[in-house]
N, C-alpha and C. Protein backbone atom coordinates (compact mmCIF):
# COMPACT_ATOMS: atom_id res chain seq x y z
N MET A 1 89.25 108.30 122.28
CA MET A 1 90.45 108.26 123.10
C MET A 1 91.62 108.70 122.23
N ASP A 2 92.46 109.54 122.78
CA ASP A 2 93.62 110.07 122.08
C ASP A 2 94.73 109.01 122.02
N PHE A 3 95.49 109.00 120.92
CA PHE A 3 96.56 108.02 120.75
C PHE A 3 97.53 108.03 121.92
N ASP A 4 97.85 109.21 122.45
CA ASP A 4 98.80 109.32 123.57
C ASP A 4 98.27 108.68 124.85
N ASP A 5 96.95 108.51 124.94
CA ASP A 5 96.35 107.92 126.13
C ASP A 5 96.31 106.39 126.08
N LEU A 6 96.66 105.82 124.95
CA LEU A 6 96.60 104.37 124.79
C LEU A 6 97.80 103.69 125.46
N SER A 7 97.61 102.43 125.82
CA SER A 7 98.72 101.64 126.36
C SER A 7 99.69 101.32 125.23
N LYS A 8 100.87 100.85 125.58
CA LYS A 8 101.86 100.50 124.56
C LYS A 8 101.30 99.41 123.63
N GLU A 9 100.62 98.41 124.21
CA GLU A 9 100.05 97.35 123.39
C GLU A 9 99.01 97.91 122.42
N GLN A 10 98.16 98.80 122.89
CA GLN A 10 97.15 99.40 122.02
C GLN A 10 97.80 100.21 120.90
N LYS A 11 98.85 100.93 121.23
CA LYS A 11 99.56 101.72 120.21
C LYS A 11 100.16 100.81 119.14
N VAL A 12 100.75 99.69 119.58
CA VAL A 12 101.32 98.73 118.63
C VAL A 12 100.22 98.20 117.71
N LEU A 13 99.08 97.85 118.27
CA LEU A 13 97.98 97.32 117.47
C LEU A 13 97.48 98.34 116.45
N VAL A 14 97.33 99.59 116.88
CA VAL A 14 96.86 100.65 115.98
C VAL A 14 97.84 100.85 114.83
N VAL A 15 99.12 100.94 115.16
CA VAL A 15 100.14 101.18 114.13
C VAL A 15 100.23 99.99 113.17
N MET A 16 100.16 98.78 113.69
CA MET A 16 100.22 97.60 112.83
C MET A 16 99.00 97.54 111.91
N ARG A 17 97.81 97.83 112.46
CA ARG A 17 96.60 97.83 111.64
C ARG A 17 96.71 98.86 110.51
N LYS A 18 97.16 100.07 110.86
CA LYS A 18 97.31 101.12 109.85
C LYS A 18 98.37 100.75 108.81
N THR A 19 99.46 100.14 109.24
CA THR A 19 100.52 99.73 108.31
C THR A 19 100.01 98.67 107.34
N LEU A 20 99.34 97.66 107.87
CA LEU A 20 98.84 96.59 107.01
C LEU A 20 97.78 97.10 106.03
N THR A 21 96.89 97.97 106.48
CA THR A 21 95.88 98.50 105.57
C THR A 21 96.51 99.41 104.52
N SER A 22 97.58 100.11 104.85
CA SER A 22 98.30 100.91 103.86
C SER A 22 98.95 100.02 102.81
N ILE A 23 99.53 98.91 103.25
CA ILE A 23 100.13 97.96 102.31
C ILE A 23 99.07 97.43 101.36
N ILE A 24 97.90 97.11 101.89
CA ILE A 24 96.81 96.63 101.05
C ILE A 24 96.43 97.68 100.01
N ARG A 25 96.24 98.93 100.45
CA ARG A 25 95.88 100.01 99.52
C ARG A 25 96.96 100.20 98.46
N ASP A 26 98.22 100.19 98.88
CA ASP A 26 99.33 100.45 97.96
C ASP A 26 99.57 99.33 96.95
N THR A 27 99.18 98.11 97.30
CA THR A 27 99.48 96.98 96.42
C THR A 27 98.26 96.42 95.69
N THR A 28 97.08 96.96 95.96
CA THR A 28 95.89 96.46 95.28
C THR A 28 95.95 96.86 93.81
N PRO A 29 95.95 95.85 92.93
CA PRO A 29 96.08 96.14 91.50
C PRO A 29 94.75 96.61 90.89
N ASN A 30 94.86 97.21 89.75
CA ASN A 30 93.66 97.58 88.98
C ASN A 30 92.98 96.30 88.51
N PRO A 31 91.68 96.37 88.23
CA PRO A 31 90.96 95.18 87.75
C PRO A 31 91.67 94.55 86.55
N GLY A 32 91.78 93.23 86.60
CA GLY A 32 92.40 92.49 85.51
C GLY A 32 93.90 92.30 85.64
N MET A 33 94.51 92.96 86.59
CA MET A 33 95.96 92.83 86.79
C MET A 33 96.24 91.83 87.90
N LEU A 34 97.42 91.21 87.85
CA LEU A 34 97.83 90.28 88.89
C LEU A 34 98.23 91.02 90.15
N HIS A 35 97.94 90.41 91.30
CA HIS A 35 98.33 91.01 92.58
C HIS A 35 99.82 90.80 92.79
N PRO A 36 100.56 91.85 93.21
CA PRO A 36 102.01 91.70 93.40
C PRO A 36 102.40 90.83 94.60
N LEU A 37 101.48 90.62 95.53
CA LEU A 37 101.78 89.80 96.70
C LEU A 37 101.35 88.36 96.44
N SER A 38 102.07 87.44 97.04
CA SER A 38 101.69 86.03 96.90
C SER A 38 100.39 85.78 97.67
N GLU A 39 99.72 84.70 97.30
CA GLU A 39 98.48 84.33 97.98
C GLU A 39 98.72 84.11 99.47
N SER A 40 99.85 83.51 99.82
CA SER A 40 100.13 83.27 101.24
C SER A 40 100.36 84.59 101.99
N SER A 41 100.98 85.56 101.34
CA SER A 41 101.17 86.88 101.98
C SER A 41 99.83 87.55 102.22
N VAL A 42 98.94 87.48 101.25
CA VAL A 42 97.61 88.07 101.39
C VAL A 42 96.86 87.40 102.54
N GLU A 43 96.92 86.07 102.60
CA GLU A 43 96.25 85.34 103.68
C GLU A 43 96.86 85.70 105.04
N ASN A 44 98.17 85.85 105.12
CA ASN A 44 98.81 86.23 106.38
C ASN A 44 98.41 87.64 106.82
N ILE A 45 98.25 88.54 105.87
CA ILE A 45 97.80 89.89 106.20
C ILE A 45 96.37 89.84 106.74
N LYS A 46 95.51 89.06 106.08
CA LYS A 46 94.13 88.91 106.56
C LYS A 46 94.09 88.34 107.96
N LEU A 47 94.89 87.30 108.20
CA LEU A 47 94.94 86.69 109.53
C LEU A 47 95.46 87.68 110.57
N SER A 48 96.47 88.44 110.22
CA SER A 48 97.03 89.44 111.14
C SER A 48 95.99 90.49 111.50
N LEU A 49 95.26 90.98 110.50
CA LEU A 49 94.22 91.99 110.76
C LEU A 49 93.11 91.41 111.63
N SER A 50 92.77 90.16 111.41
CA SER A 50 91.75 89.51 112.23
C SER A 50 92.21 89.39 113.69
N LEU A 51 93.45 88.99 113.88
CA LEU A 51 93.99 88.86 115.24
C LEU A 51 94.09 90.23 115.93
N ILE A 52 94.48 91.24 115.19
CA ILE A 52 94.56 92.59 115.73
C ILE A 52 93.18 93.05 116.18
N ALA A 53 92.18 92.86 115.33
CA ALA A 53 90.81 93.27 115.66
C ALA A 53 90.30 92.53 116.89
N SER A 54 90.60 91.25 116.97
CA SER A 54 90.17 90.44 118.10
C SER A 54 90.80 90.95 119.40
N ARG A 55 92.09 91.22 119.37
CA ARG A 55 92.77 91.70 120.58
C ARG A 55 92.29 93.09 120.96
N GLU A 56 92.03 93.94 119.96
CA GLU A 56 91.51 95.28 120.27
C GLU A 56 90.15 95.17 120.96
N ARG A 57 89.30 94.24 120.49
CA ARG A 57 88.00 94.02 121.13
C ARG A 57 88.18 93.57 122.58
N GLU A 58 89.10 92.62 122.80
CA GLU A 58 89.37 92.14 124.16
C GLU A 58 89.81 93.27 125.08
N LEU A 59 90.71 94.11 124.59
CA LEU A 59 91.19 95.22 125.41
C LEU A 59 90.07 96.22 125.70
N ASN A 60 89.21 96.47 124.72
CA ASN A 60 88.08 97.38 124.93
C ASN A 60 87.14 96.83 125.99
N ILE A 61 86.89 95.54 125.94
CA ILE A 61 86.01 94.91 126.94
C ILE A 61 86.65 95.00 128.32
N GLU A 62 87.94 94.71 128.41
CA GLU A 62 88.65 94.79 129.70
C GLU A 62 88.58 96.19 130.29
N GLN A 63 88.56 97.20 129.43
CA GLN A 63 88.53 98.59 129.89
C GLN A 63 87.10 99.09 130.08
N GLY A 64 86.12 98.22 129.85
CA GLY A 64 84.73 98.61 130.06
C GLY A 64 84.13 99.36 128.88
N ASP A 65 84.77 99.30 127.72
CA ASP A 65 84.26 99.97 126.52
C ASP A 65 83.51 98.96 125.66
N GLU A 66 82.48 98.32 126.23
CA GLU A 66 81.78 97.27 125.51
C GLU A 66 81.09 97.75 124.25
N GLN A 67 80.74 99.04 124.16
CA GLN A 67 80.08 99.54 122.97
C GLN A 67 81.00 99.53 121.77
N LEU A 68 82.33 99.35 121.97
CA LEU A 68 83.29 99.32 120.89
C LEU A 68 83.53 97.92 120.35
N GLN A 69 82.77 96.94 120.84
CA GLN A 69 82.95 95.54 120.41
C GLN A 69 82.74 95.41 118.96
């Protein structure tokens, strides 16, 4: 499905998921180095990604795209 065909909610979820994963890539330290984000920030990012994935699954099911679960 093309991005332009998505609902506003789906677009928000896609952009938020991409933004959070970019933050993770940009801030992941080399082995042995301290992470620049606090532990609570890392946990909040994980929780946010989990909630985004869950809502995306719900929307796919509502639209009859069960194979995308």
